[in-house]
Amino acid sequence: MFNGAHVIIYSTDAEADRVFMRDVLDLKNIDVGGGWLIFALPPAEAAFHPHVSSHAHELYLMCDDLEDSQKKLLAAGVESTEPIDEGWGILSSFKLPGGGSIGYYQPRHGRP
């Protein structure tokens, strides 16, 4: 029925965040006109977590080795939060130039 998903990340400095995603995270992209970049994402999965009142959505990037990912980000001048072991995975995040943040984690759960 569906052939993909489109994620929207709102930003106070979309241009800086696009450059970050292109140059620092090295995500493949296409310029659809006027510098508006659309990024390819790695394979994805979705999960529904119970919450009593929130309708917010979150984006987490996944990695095979969180420590290695942190080192690579730091080498590019990007600091990450202290890793948190949640049992189901090891979790961290980094700030985007536009002020937002993106979480990332090393999963311990099975992958579809």
Protein backbone atom coordinates (compact mmCIF):
# COMPACT_ATOMS: atom_id res chain seq x y z
CA MET A 1 0.00 0.00 0.00
CA PHE A 2 2.70 2.52 0.98
CA ASN A 3 6.16 2.77 -0.54
CA GLY A 4 7.95 5.02 1.96
CA ALA A 5 7.67 7.67 4.64
CA HIS A 6 8.48 11.38 4.69
CA VAL A 7 9.79 12.86 7.94
CA ILE A 8 9.53 16.61 8.56
CA ILE A 9 11.87 18.24 11.07
CA TYR A 10 10.91 21.83 11.90
CA SER A 11 13.82 24.21 12.44
CA THR A 12 14.55 27.84 13.22
CA ASP A 13 17.52 27.57 10.82
CA ALA A 14 16.57 25.02 8.18
CA GLU A 15 19.48 25.94 5.87
CA ALA A 16 22.08 25.28 8.59
CA ASP A 17 20.40 22.00 9.50
CA ARG A 18 20.31 20.92 5.84
CA VAL A 19 24.05 21.64 5.53
CA PHE A 20 24.66 19.68 8.75
CA MET A 21 22.69 16.67 7.50
CA ARG A 22 24.50 16.81 4.15
CA ASP A 23 28.07 17.57 5.27
CA VAL A 24 28.35 16.17 8.79
CA LEU A 25 25.96 13.21 8.74
CA ASP A 26 26.78 12.59 5.05
CA LEU A 27 23.20 11.63 4.16
CA LYS A 28 22.44 11.19 0.48
CA ASN A 29 20.16 13.92 -0.80
CA ILE A 30 18.62 15.56 -3.80
CA ASP A 31 18.13 19.27 -4.40
CA VAL A 32 14.51 19.64 -5.50
CA GLY A 33 15.04 23.31 -6.33
CA GLY A 34 16.36 26.44 -4.70
CA GLY A 35 18.63 24.56 -2.30
CA TRP A 36 15.72 22.63 -0.81
CA LEU A 37 17.32 19.28 0.03
CA ILE A 38 15.39 16.06 0.54
CA PHE A 39 17.44 13.43 2.39
CA ALA A 40 17.50 9.69 2.05
CA LEU A 41 17.31 7.98 5.43
CA PRO A 42 18.70 4.63 6.45
CA PRO A 43 16.24 1.73 6.73
CA ALA A 44 13.57 2.66 9.25
CA GLU A 45 11.12 1.11 11.65
CA ALA A 46 8.18 2.51 13.60
CA ALA A 47 6.89 1.72 17.09
CA PHE A 48 3.90 2.95 19.07
CA HIS A 49 4.59 3.84 22.69
CA PRO A 50 1.72 4.44 25.10
CA HIS A 51 1.32 7.98 26.46
CA VAL A 52 -1.57 9.54 28.33
CA SER A 53 -1.58 12.92 26.57
CA SER A 54 1.18 13.40 24.00
CA HIS A 55 0.64 13.38 20.26
CA ALA A 56 4.24 14.36 19.51
CA HIS A 57 6.45 12.21 17.33
CA GLU A 58 10.17 11.62 17.71
CA LEU A 59 12.99 10.73 15.33
CA TYR A 60 15.89 8.55 16.44
CA LEU A 61 18.72 7.44 14.19
CA MET A 62 20.05 3.95 14.88
CA CYS A 63 23.67 2.81 14.88
CA ASP A 64 25.55 -0.44 15.39
CA ASP A 65 28.11 1.08 17.78
CA LEU A 66 27.07 4.16 19.77
CA GLU A 67 30.58 4.81 21.10
CA ASP A 68 32.02 4.80 17.58
CA SER A 69 29.23 7.09 16.35
CA GLN A 70 29.95 9.52 19.21
CA LYS A 71 33.64 9.58 18.28
CA LYS A 72 32.83 10.31 14.62
CA LEU A 73 30.42 13.09 15.58
CA LEU A 74 32.97 14.60 17.97
CA ALA A 75 35.62 14.53 15.23
CA ALA A 76 33.18 16.64 13.17
CA GLY A 77 32.79 19.06 16.09
CA VAL A 78 29.44 17.69 17.27
CA GLU A 79 29.02 16.88 20.96
CA SER A 80 26.58 14.22 22.13
CA THR A 81 24.79 13.78 25.42
CA GLU A 82 26.07 11.25 27.94
CA PRO A 83 24.89 7.77 26.86
CA ILE A 84 21.99 6.27 28.81
CA ASP A 85 21.58 2.49 29.00
CA GLU A 86 17.84 1.85 28.76
CA GLY A 87 18.15 -1.95 28.65
CA TRP A 88 16.54 -2.17 25.19
CA GLY A 89 19.37 0.03 23.84
CA ILE A 90 21.97 2.71 24.56
CA LEU A 91 20.63 6.21 23.90
CA SER A 92 22.24 9.60 23.19
CA SER A 93 21.44 12.77 21.22
CA PHE A 94 23.11 15.73 19.54
CA LYS A 95 22.10 19.32 18.84
CA LEU A 96 21.38 20.62 15.36
CA PRO A 97 22.66 24.04 14.28
CA GLY A 98 19.04 25.27 14.21
CA GLY A 99 18.62 24.48 17.92
CA GLY A 100 16.72 21.21 17.76
CA SER A 101 18.14 17.86 18.69
CA ILE A 102 18.12 14.37 17.23
CA GLY A 103 18.35 11.24 19.31
CA TYR A 104 20.29 8.21 18.28
CA TYR A 105 20.75 4.79 19.79
CA GLN A 106 22.35 1.39 19.56
CA PRO A 107 19.41 -1.02 19.74
CA ARG A 108 19.49 -4.32 21.58
CA HIS A 109 16.04 -5.34 20.33
CA GLY A 110 15.34 -7.42 17.25
CA ARG A 111 14.93 -5.57 13.96
CA PRO A 112 12.11 -6.24 11.48
